[in-house]
N, C-alpha and C. Protein backbone atom coordinates (compact mmCIF):
# COMPACT_ATOMS: atom_id res chain seq x y z
N MET A 1 -136.80 8.07 -114.57
CA MET A 1 -135.60 7.58 -113.94
C MET A 1 -135.03 6.39 -114.72
N ASP A 2 -135.92 5.51 -115.19
CA ASP A 2 -135.46 4.36 -115.96
C ASP A 2 -134.83 4.80 -117.28
N ASP A 3 -135.39 5.86 -117.86
CA ASP A 3 -134.81 6.36 -119.11
C ASP A 3 -133.40 6.89 -118.89
N PHE A 4 -133.20 7.57 -117.77
CA PHE A 4 -131.88 8.11 -117.46
C PHE A 4 -130.86 6.99 -117.25
N LEU A 5 -131.27 5.96 -116.50
CA LEU A 5 -130.37 4.82 -116.27
C LEU A 5 -130.05 4.10 -117.57
N GLN A 6 -131.05 3.94 -118.41
CA GLN A 6 -130.83 3.28 -119.71
C GLN A 6 -129.89 4.13 -120.56
N PHE A 7 -130.04 5.45 -120.51
CA PHE A 7 -129.15 6.35 -121.25
C PHE A 7 -127.71 6.19 -120.78
N LEU A 8 -127.51 6.09 -119.45
CA LEU A 8 -126.16 5.91 -118.92
C LEU A 8 -125.56 4.58 -119.33
N VAL A 9 -126.37 3.54 -119.30
CA VAL A 9 -125.87 2.22 -119.69
C VAL A 9 -125.52 2.20 -121.18
N ASP A 10 -126.30 2.91 -121.97
CA ASP A 10 -126.05 2.94 -123.42
C ASP A 10 -124.84 3.79 -123.81
N THR A 11 -124.43 4.73 -122.95
CA THR A 11 -123.30 5.60 -123.27
C THR A 11 -122.18 5.39 -122.23
N PRO A 12 -121.29 4.45 -122.50
CA PRO A 12 -120.22 4.17 -121.54
C PRO A 12 -119.23 5.32 -121.37
N ILE A 13 -119.21 6.25 -122.31
CA ILE A 13 -118.31 7.40 -122.18
C ILE A 13 -118.74 8.26 -120.98
N LEU A 14 -120.02 8.35 -120.72
CA LEU A 14 -120.51 9.09 -119.56
C LEU A 14 -120.52 8.22 -118.30
N LEU A 15 -120.71 6.94 -118.50
CA LEU A 15 -120.82 6.03 -117.35
C LEU A 15 -119.49 5.86 -116.63
N ALA A 16 -118.40 5.81 -117.35
CA ALA A 16 -117.08 5.59 -116.74
C ALA A 16 -116.70 6.71 -115.78
N PRO A 17 -116.80 7.98 -116.16
CA PRO A 17 -116.45 9.04 -115.19
C PRO A 17 -117.38 9.07 -113.98
N LEU A 18 -118.66 8.80 -114.20
CA LEU A 18 -119.60 8.78 -113.08
C LEU A 18 -119.26 7.66 -112.10
N LEU A 19 -118.90 6.51 -112.63
CA LEU A 19 -118.51 5.40 -111.75
C LEU A 19 -117.21 5.71 -111.03
N LEU A 20 -116.31 6.39 -111.69
CA LEU A 20 -115.04 6.79 -111.06
C LEU A 20 -115.29 7.77 -109.91
N VAL A 21 -116.15 8.74 -110.12
CA VAL A 21 -116.49 9.70 -109.07
C VAL A 21 -117.17 8.98 -107.91
N ALA A 22 -118.07 8.07 -108.21
CA ALA A 22 -118.75 7.31 -107.16
C ALA A 22 -117.75 6.46 -106.37
N ALA A 23 -116.77 5.90 -107.05
CA ALA A 23 -115.75 5.10 -106.36
C ALA A 23 -114.90 5.97 -105.44
N PHE A 24 -114.55 7.18 -105.89
CA PHE A 24 -113.78 8.10 -105.05
C PHE A 24 -114.57 8.51 -103.81
N ILE A 25 -115.85 8.78 -103.99
CA ILE A 25 -116.68 9.17 -102.85
C ILE A 25 -116.79 8.01 -101.87
N LEU A 26 -117.01 6.80 -102.38
CA LEU A 26 -117.10 5.63 -101.52
C LEU A 26 -115.79 5.39 -100.78
N TRP A 27 -114.67 5.56 -101.47
CA TRP A 27 -113.35 5.38 -100.85
C TRP A 27 -113.14 6.40 -99.73
N ALA A 28 -113.54 7.65 -99.97
CA ALA A 28 -113.37 8.70 -98.96
C ALA A 28 -114.21 8.39 -97.72
N VAL A 29 -115.42 7.93 -97.92
CA VAL A 29 -116.29 7.59 -96.78
C VAL A 29 -115.70 6.41 -96.01
N LEU A 30 -115.26 5.38 -96.72
CA LEU A 30 -114.69 4.22 -96.05
C LEU A 30 -113.41 4.58 -95.29
N LYS A 31 -112.60 5.44 -95.88
CA LYS A 31 -111.37 5.87 -95.22
C LYS A 31 -111.69 6.59 -93.92
N ARG A 32 -112.69 7.45 -93.96
CA ARG A 32 -113.07 8.20 -92.78
C ARG A 32 -113.64 7.26 -91.70
N LEU A 33 -114.44 6.28 -92.13
CA LEU A 33 -115.01 5.33 -91.17
C LEU A 33 -113.92 4.46 -90.55
N LEU A 34 -112.94 4.05 -91.36
CA LEU A 34 -111.85 3.24 -90.82
C LEU A 34 -111.01 4.04 -89.83
N LYS A 35 -110.81 5.32 -90.13
CA LYS A 35 -110.07 6.18 -89.22
C LYS A 35 -110.82 6.31 -87.89
N LEU A 36 -112.13 6.51 -87.97
CA LEU A 36 -112.95 6.62 -86.78
C LEU A 36 -112.93 5.32 -85.98
N ALA A 37 -113.00 4.19 -86.66
CA ALA A 37 -112.96 2.90 -85.98
C ALA A 37 -111.62 2.69 -85.28
N ALA A 38 -110.54 3.10 -85.92
CA ALA A 38 -109.22 2.95 -85.30
C ALA A 38 -109.09 3.84 -84.07
N ILE A 39 -109.61 5.06 -84.14
CA ILE A 39 -109.55 5.96 -83.00
C ILE A 39 -110.39 5.42 -81.85
N LEU A 40 -111.58 4.91 -82.17
CA LEU A 40 -112.44 4.35 -81.11
C LEU A 40 -111.81 3.10 -80.49
N ALA A 41 -111.17 2.27 -81.29
CA ALA A 41 -110.51 1.08 -80.75
C ALA A 41 -109.36 1.48 -79.84
N LEU A 42 -108.57 2.45 -80.26
CA LEU A 42 -107.47 2.92 -79.43
C LEU A 42 -107.98 3.53 -78.13
N ALA A 43 -109.04 4.31 -78.21
CA ALA A 43 -109.62 4.92 -77.01
C ALA A 43 -110.14 3.83 -76.07
N GLY A 44 -110.74 2.80 -76.62
CA GLY A 44 -111.23 1.70 -75.80
C GLY A 44 -110.11 0.96 -75.09
N VAL A 45 -109.04 0.70 -75.80
CA VAL A 45 -107.89 0.01 -75.20
C VAL A 45 -107.26 0.88 -74.11
N LEU A 46 -107.11 2.17 -74.39
CA LEU A 46 -106.54 3.07 -73.38
C LEU A 46 -107.44 3.16 -72.15
N TYR A 47 -108.75 3.16 -72.35
CA TYR A 47 -109.69 3.20 -71.22
C TYR A 47 -109.56 1.94 -70.38
N ILE A 48 -109.48 0.80 -71.02
CA ILE A 48 -109.35 -0.47 -70.28
C ILE A 48 -108.04 -0.49 -69.51
N LEU A 49 -106.96 -0.04 -70.14
CA LEU A 49 -105.67 0.02 -69.44
C LEU A 49 -105.72 0.98 -68.26
N LEU A 50 -106.38 2.11 -68.43
CA LEU A 50 -106.51 3.07 -67.35
C LEU A 50 -107.31 2.49 -66.20
N VAL A 51 -108.41 1.83 -66.49
CA VAL A 51 -109.23 1.23 -65.44
C VAL A 51 -108.44 0.15 -64.70
N GLU A 52 -107.69 -0.64 -65.42
CA GLU A 52 -106.90 -1.70 -64.78
C GLU A 52 -105.78 -1.10 -63.94
N TYR A 53 -105.19 -0.01 -64.38
CA TYR A 53 -104.08 0.61 -63.66
C TYR A 53 -104.56 1.33 -62.40
N VAL A 54 -105.69 2.03 -62.50
CA VAL A 54 -106.18 2.84 -61.41
C VAL A 54 -106.95 2.01 -60.38
N SER A 55 -107.59 0.95 -60.82
CA SER A 55 -108.44 0.19 -59.91
C SER A 55 -107.62 -0.43 -58.78
N THR A 56 -108.24 -0.49 -57.61
CA THR A 56 -107.59 -1.09 -56.45
C THR A 56 -108.16 -2.47 -56.25
N GLY A 57 -107.31 -3.45 -56.26
CA GLY A 57 -107.75 -4.83 -56.10
C GLY A 57 -107.98 -5.18 -54.64
N PRO A 58 -108.72 -6.27 -54.37
CA PRO A 58 -108.96 -6.71 -52.99
C PRO A 58 -107.76 -7.29 -52.32
């Protein structure tokens, strides 16, 4: 494994595309997580509004 990593560090022509692919994969995962977080936040706000609207006060 160390030999492979050393080979990649020694050959930047191969390292650049691999880092680019890794960056795209990381971006895609982060985008999906941010979308999920936004949907969950919106669902939470709508739930709180629904509970406040439906609840009967004393």
